[in-house]
Amino acid sequence: MDIKWNQLLLVASASVVVAVVVSALFALGVRLITNAQHAVPGARKGKAADMRKEILSRVFAYLSFLVSAAVLSLFLLGILFSNDKGVKAAIGAFFGIQ
């Protein structure tokens, strides 16, 4: 059995980078949703600054969640549809697919 160390390092580093990016984007989305919730009482009183803060926070929070899901999906699809038969076999064995 021959281990391809370059490919192992590439996959490991890509996995770490994707994990950090997805976690950071999701955490940013949670923070922005929290900021939007804190602006709701002022927005209900008709304060324009709080209305603007609530709307922008929610829009950017949802965009952050969307980008986070897209990055994770693209990474997983890239692994699933790679040309390496070893990767496909490992994923298939994990999910019980022949």
N, C-alpha and C. Protein backbone atom coordinates (compact mmCIF):
# COMPACT_ATOMS: atom_id res chain seq x y z
N MET A 1 0.85 -1.17 0.00
CA MET A 1 0.00 0.00 0.00
C MET A 1 0.90 1.24 0.00
N ASP A 2 0.63 2.11 -0.93
CA ASP A 2 1.43 3.32 -1.08
C ASP A 2 0.58 4.53 -0.70
N ILE A 3 1.03 5.30 0.26
CA ILE A 3 0.30 6.49 0.69
C ILE A 3 0.79 7.68 -0.12
N LYS A 4 -0.13 8.39 -0.72
CA LYS A 4 0.20 9.60 -1.47
C LYS A 4 0.13 10.78 -0.51
N TRP A 5 1.29 11.12 0.05
CA TRP A 5 1.35 12.12 1.10
C TRP A 5 0.94 13.51 0.62
N ASN A 6 1.26 13.84 -0.61
CA ASN A 6 0.88 15.15 -1.14
C ASN A 6 -0.63 15.30 -1.20
N GLN A 7 -1.31 14.27 -1.67
CA GLN A 7 -2.76 14.33 -1.76
C GLN A 7 -3.40 14.32 -0.38
N LEU A 8 -2.81 13.57 0.54
CA LEU A 8 -3.32 13.55 1.91
C LEU A 8 -3.21 14.93 2.54
N LEU A 9 -2.07 15.58 2.36
CA LEU A 9 -1.88 16.93 2.90
C LEU A 9 -2.84 17.93 2.25
N LEU A 10 -3.06 17.79 0.96
CA LEU A 10 -3.98 18.68 0.25
C LEU A 10 -5.40 18.54 0.78
N VAL A 11 -5.86 17.32 0.93
CA VAL A 11 -7.23 17.09 1.42
C VAL A 11 -7.37 17.54 2.88
N ALA A 12 -6.36 17.25 3.69
CA ALA A 12 -6.42 17.65 5.09
C ALA A 12 -6.45 19.17 5.24
N SER A 13 -5.59 19.85 4.49
CA SER A 13 -5.55 21.31 4.59
C SER A 13 -6.83 21.93 4.04
N ALA A 14 -7.35 21.39 2.95
CA ALA A 14 -8.62 21.90 2.40
C ALA A 14 -9.76 21.70 3.40
N SER A 15 -9.76 20.56 4.07
CA SER A 15 -10.80 20.29 5.07
C SER A 15 -10.74 21.28 6.22
N VAL A 16 -9.55 21.58 6.67
CA VAL A 16 -9.40 22.52 7.78
C VAL A 16 -9.84 23.92 7.34
N VAL A 17 -9.43 24.34 6.16
CA VAL A 17 -9.81 25.67 5.66
C VAL A 17 -11.32 25.78 5.51
N VAL A 18 -11.94 24.76 4.92
CA VAL A 18 -13.40 24.80 4.75
C VAL A 18 -14.11 24.80 6.10
N ALA A 19 -13.62 24.03 7.05
CA ALA A 19 -14.23 24.01 8.38
C ALA A 19 -14.15 25.37 9.06
N VAL A 20 -13.01 26.04 8.94
CA VAL A 20 -12.85 27.36 9.54
C VAL A 20 -13.75 28.39 8.85
N VAL A 21 -13.80 28.36 7.53
CA VAL A 21 -14.62 29.32 6.79
C VAL A 21 -16.10 29.12 7.09
N VAL A 22 -16.56 27.88 7.06
CA VAL A 22 -17.99 27.61 7.33
C VAL A 22 -18.35 28.00 8.76
N SER A 23 -17.50 27.67 9.71
CA SER A 23 -17.77 28.04 11.11
C SER A 23 -17.79 29.55 11.30
N ALA A 24 -16.85 30.25 10.69
CA ALA A 24 -16.79 31.70 10.83
C ALA A 24 -18.01 32.37 10.19
N LEU A 25 -18.41 31.92 9.02
CA LEU A 25 -19.58 32.50 8.37
C LEU A 25 -20.85 32.23 9.15
N PHE A 26 -20.99 31.02 9.70
CA PHE A 26 -22.18 30.70 10.48
C PHE A 26 -22.21 31.53 11.76
N ALA A 27 -21.05 31.68 12.43
CA ALA A 27 -20.99 32.49 13.65
C ALA A 27 -21.31 33.95 13.35
N LEU A 28 -20.83 34.45 12.22
CA LEU A 28 -21.16 35.82 11.82
C LEU A 28 -22.66 35.97 11.60
N GLY A 29 -23.29 34.98 10.97
CA GLY A 29 -24.73 35.02 10.76
C GLY A 29 -25.51 35.04 12.07
N VAL A 30 -25.07 34.23 13.03
CA VAL A 30 -25.74 34.20 14.34
C VAL A 30 -25.59 35.56 15.03
N ARG A 31 -24.40 36.14 14.94
CA ARG A 31 -24.17 37.45 15.55
C ARG A 31 -25.05 38.51 14.92
N LEU A 32 -25.18 38.49 13.61
CA LEU A 32 -26.00 39.49 12.93
C LEU A 32 -27.49 39.32 13.25
N ILE A 33 -27.94 38.09 13.38
CA ILE A 33 -29.34 37.85 13.77
C ILE A 33 -29.58 38.40 15.18
N THR A 34 -28.61 38.20 16.06
CA THR A 34 -28.73 38.73 17.42
C THR A 34 -28.78 40.25 17.40
N ASN A 35 -27.94 40.88 16.58
CA ASN A 35 -27.97 42.34 16.46
C ASN A 35 -29.34 42.81 15.96
N ALA A 36 -29.92 42.07 15.01
CA ALA A 36 -31.23 42.44 14.48
C ALA A 36 -32.30 42.33 15.56
N GLN A 37 -32.21 41.31 16.39
CA GLN A 37 -33.21 41.14 17.45
C GLN A 37 -33.12 42.25 18.49
N HIS A 38 -31.91 42.74 18.72
CA HIS A 38 -31.75 43.84 19.67
C HIS A 38 -32.26 45.17 19.12
N ALA A 39 -32.37 45.27 17.81
CA ALA A 39 -32.85 46.51 17.19
C ALA A 39 -34.37 46.54 17.04
N VAL A 40 -35.04 45.43 17.29
CA VAL A 40 -36.49 45.36 17.09
C VAL A 40 -37.26 46.35 17.97
N PRO A 41 -36.98 46.47 19.26
CA PRO A 41 -37.78 47.41 20.07
C PRO A 41 -37.71 48.85 19.55
N GLY A 42 -36.53 49.30 19.14
CA GLY A 42 -36.41 50.65 18.60
C GLY A 42 -37.11 50.79 17.26
N ALA A 43 -37.07 49.74 16.46
CA ALA A 43 -37.73 49.79 15.15
C ALA A 43 -39.24 49.85 15.31
N ARG A 44 -39.77 49.19 16.33
CA ARG A 44 -41.22 49.23 16.56
C ARG A 44 -41.68 50.61 17.00
N LYS A 45 -40.77 51.36 17.62
CA LYS A 45 -41.10 52.73 18.04
C LYS A 45 -40.99 53.71 16.89
N GLY A 46 -40.51 53.24 15.74
CA GLY A 46 -40.43 54.10 14.56
C GLY A 46 -39.09 54.77 14.36
N LYS A 47 -38.07 54.34 15.08
CA LYS A 47 -36.75 54.94 14.91
C LYS A 47 -36.13 54.44 13.61
N ALA A 48 -35.80 55.37 12.73
CA ALA A 48 -35.30 55.00 11.40
C ALA A 48 -33.95 54.29 11.48
N ALA A 49 -33.09 54.71 12.39
CA ALA A 49 -31.76 54.08 12.50
C ALA A 49 -31.88 52.62 12.94
N ASP A 50 -32.79 52.34 13.86
CA ASP A 50 -32.99 50.97 14.31
C ASP A 50 -33.65 50.11 13.23
N MET A 51 -34.56 50.71 12.46
CA MET A 51 -35.17 49.97 11.36
C MET A 51 -34.12 49.57 10.33
N ARG A 52 -33.27 50.53 9.99
CA ARG A 52 -32.21 50.26 9.02
C ARG A 52 -31.24 49.20 9.55
N LYS A 53 -30.90 49.31 10.84
CA LYS A 53 -29.98 48.34 11.45
C LYS A 53 -30.58 46.94 11.44
N GLU A 54 -31.88 46.84 11.76
CA GLU A 54 -32.53 45.53 11.77
C GLU A 54 -32.57 44.91 10.38
N ILE A 55 -32.95 45.68 9.40
CA ILE A 55 -33.05 45.16 8.03
C ILE A 55 -31.70 44.72 7.50
N LEU A 56 -30.69 45.58 7.64
CA LEU A 56 -29.35 45.24 7.15
C LEU A 56 -28.76 44.03 7.88
N SER A 57 -28.97 43.98 9.18
CA SER A 57 -28.45 42.83 9.94
C SER A 57 -29.09 41.53 9.49
N ARG A 58 -30.39 41.55 9.30
CA ARG A 58 -31.07 40.33 8.85
C ARG A 58 -30.64 39.91 7.44
N VAL A 59 -30.53 40.86 6.54
CA VAL A 59 -30.15 40.54 5.16
C VAL A 59 -28.75 39.94 5.13
N PHE A 60 -27.81 40.57 5.83
CA PHE A 60 -26.45 40.05 5.81
C PHE A 60 -26.31 38.75 6.61
N ALA A 61 -27.15 38.55 7.61
CA ALA A 61 -27.14 37.28 8.34
C ALA A 61 -27.60 36.14 7.43
N TYR A 62 -28.68 36.37 6.70
CA TYR A 62 -29.17 35.33 5.79
C TYR A 62 -28.19 35.07 4.66
N LEU A 63 -27.54 36.11 4.17
CA LEU A 63 -26.50 35.91 3.15
C LEU A 63 -25.32 35.12 3.71
N SER A 64 -24.97 35.38 4.95
CA SER A 64 -23.89 34.65 5.58
C SER A 64 -24.23 33.17 5.72
N PHE A 65 -25.46 32.88 6.13
CA PHE A 65 -25.89 31.49 6.22
C PHE A 65 -25.89 30.82 4.85
N LEU A 66 -26.34 31.55 3.84
CA LEU A 66 -26.39 31.01 2.48
C LEU A 66 -25.00 30.70 1.95
N VAL A 67 -24.06 31.61 2.14
CA VAL A 67 -22.69 31.38 1.67
C VAL A 67 -22.04 30.23 2.44
N SER A 68 -22.32 30.15 3.72
CA SER A 68 -21.79 29.06 4.53
C SER A 68 -22.27 27.70 4.01
N ALA A 69 -23.56 27.60 3.74
CA ALA A 69 -24.11 26.35 3.20
C ALA A 69 -23.57 26.05 1.81
N ALA A 70 -23.38 27.09 1.00
CA ALA A 70 -22.87 26.89 -0.36
C ALA A 70 -21.43 26.39 -0.34
N VAL A 71 -20.60 26.96 0.54
CA VAL A 71 -19.21 26.52 0.63
C VAL A 71 -19.14 25.06 1.06
N LEU A 72 -19.91 24.70 2.07
CA LEU A 72 -19.91 23.32 2.54
C LEU A 72 -20.44 22.37 1.47
N SER A 73 -21.49 22.76 0.78
CA SER A 73 -22.05 21.91 -0.28
C SER A 73 -21.07 21.71 -1.42
N LEU A 74 -20.41 22.79 -1.84
CA LEU A 74 -19.44 22.67 -2.93
C LEU A 74 -18.27 21.78 -2.54
N PHE A 75 -17.82 21.90 -1.31
CA PHE A 75 -16.72 21.05 -0.84
C PHE A 75 -17.13 19.57 -0.85
N LEU A 76 -18.32 19.29 -0.32
CA LEU A 76 -18.77 17.90 -0.27
C LEU A 76 -19.06 17.35 -1.66
N LEU A 77 -19.62 18.17 -2.53
CA LEU A 77 -19.86 17.72 -3.90
C LEU A 77 -18.55 17.50 -4.65
N GLY A 78 -17.56 18.33 -4.36
CA GLY A 78 -16.24 18.15 -4.98
C GLY A 78 -15.61 16.84 -4.58
N ILE A 79 -15.78 16.45 -3.34
CA ILE A 79 -15.27 15.16 -2.89
C ILE A 79 -16.07 14.03 -3.53
N LEU A 80 -17.38 14.17 -3.54
CA LEU A 80 -18.24 13.11 -4.04
C LEU A 80 -18.03 12.85 -5.53
N PHE A 81 -17.85 13.90 -6.30
CA PHE A 81 -17.71 13.74 -7.74
C PHE A 81 -16.27 13.83 -8.22
N SER A 82 -15.33 13.57 -7.33
CA SER A 82 -13.93 13.59 -7.75
C SER A 82 -13.66 12.36 -8.62
N ASN A 83 -12.58 12.42 -9.37
CA ASN A 83 -12.23 11.31 -10.26
C ASN A 83 -11.45 10.21 -9.55
N ASP A 84 -11.11 10.44 -8.29
CA ASP A 84 -10.35 9.45 -7.54
C ASP A 84 -11.28 8.35 -7.05
N LYS A 85 -11.04 7.12 -7.51
CA LYS A 85 -11.91 6.00 -7.14
C LYS A 85 -11.78 5.63 -5.67
N GLY A 86 -10.63 5.91 -5.07
CA GLY A 86 -10.44 5.63 -3.65
C GLY A 86 -11.33 6.49 -2.79
N VAL A 87 -11.48 7.76 -3.16
CA VAL A 87 -12.35 8.67 -2.42
C VAL A 87 -13.79 8.24 -2.56
N LYS A 88 -14.20 7.91 -3.78
CA LYS A 88 -15.58 7.45 -3.99
C LYS A 88 -15.87 6.18 -3.21
N ALA A 89 -14.91 5.26 -3.19
CA ALA A 89 -15.11 4.00 -2.46
C ALA A 89 -15.22 4.25 -0.96
N ALA A 90 -14.41 5.17 -0.44
CA ALA A 90 -14.44 5.47 0.99
C ALA A 90 -15.77 6.12 1.38
N ILE A 91 -16.23 7.06 0.55
CA ILE A 91 -17.51 7.70 0.84
C ILE A 91 -18.65 6.71 0.69
N GLY A 92 -18.60 5.88 -0.33
CA GLY A 92 -19.63 4.87 -0.52
C GLY A 92 -19.68 3.88 0.62
N ALA A 93 -18.51 3.47 1.12
CA ALA A 93 -18.48 2.55 2.25
C ALA A 93 -19.04 3.20 3.50
N PHE A 94 -18.76 4.48 3.68
CA PHE A 94 -19.25 5.20 4.87
C PHE A 94 -20.77 5.26 4.87
N PHE A 95 -21.36 5.55 3.71
CA PHE A 95 -22.82 5.66 3.62
C PHE A 95 -23.51 4.35 3.25
N GLY A 96 -22.76 3.30 3.06
CA GLY A 96 -23.33 2.01 2.73
C GLY A 96 -23.77 1.89 1.29
N ILE A 97 -23.14 2.66 0.39
CA ILE A 97 -23.48 2.65 -1.02
C ILE A 97 -22.44 1.81 -1.75
N GLN A 98 -22.87 0.94 -2.62
CA GLN A 98 -21.91 0.10 -3.36
C GLN A 98 -21.51 0.74 -4.65
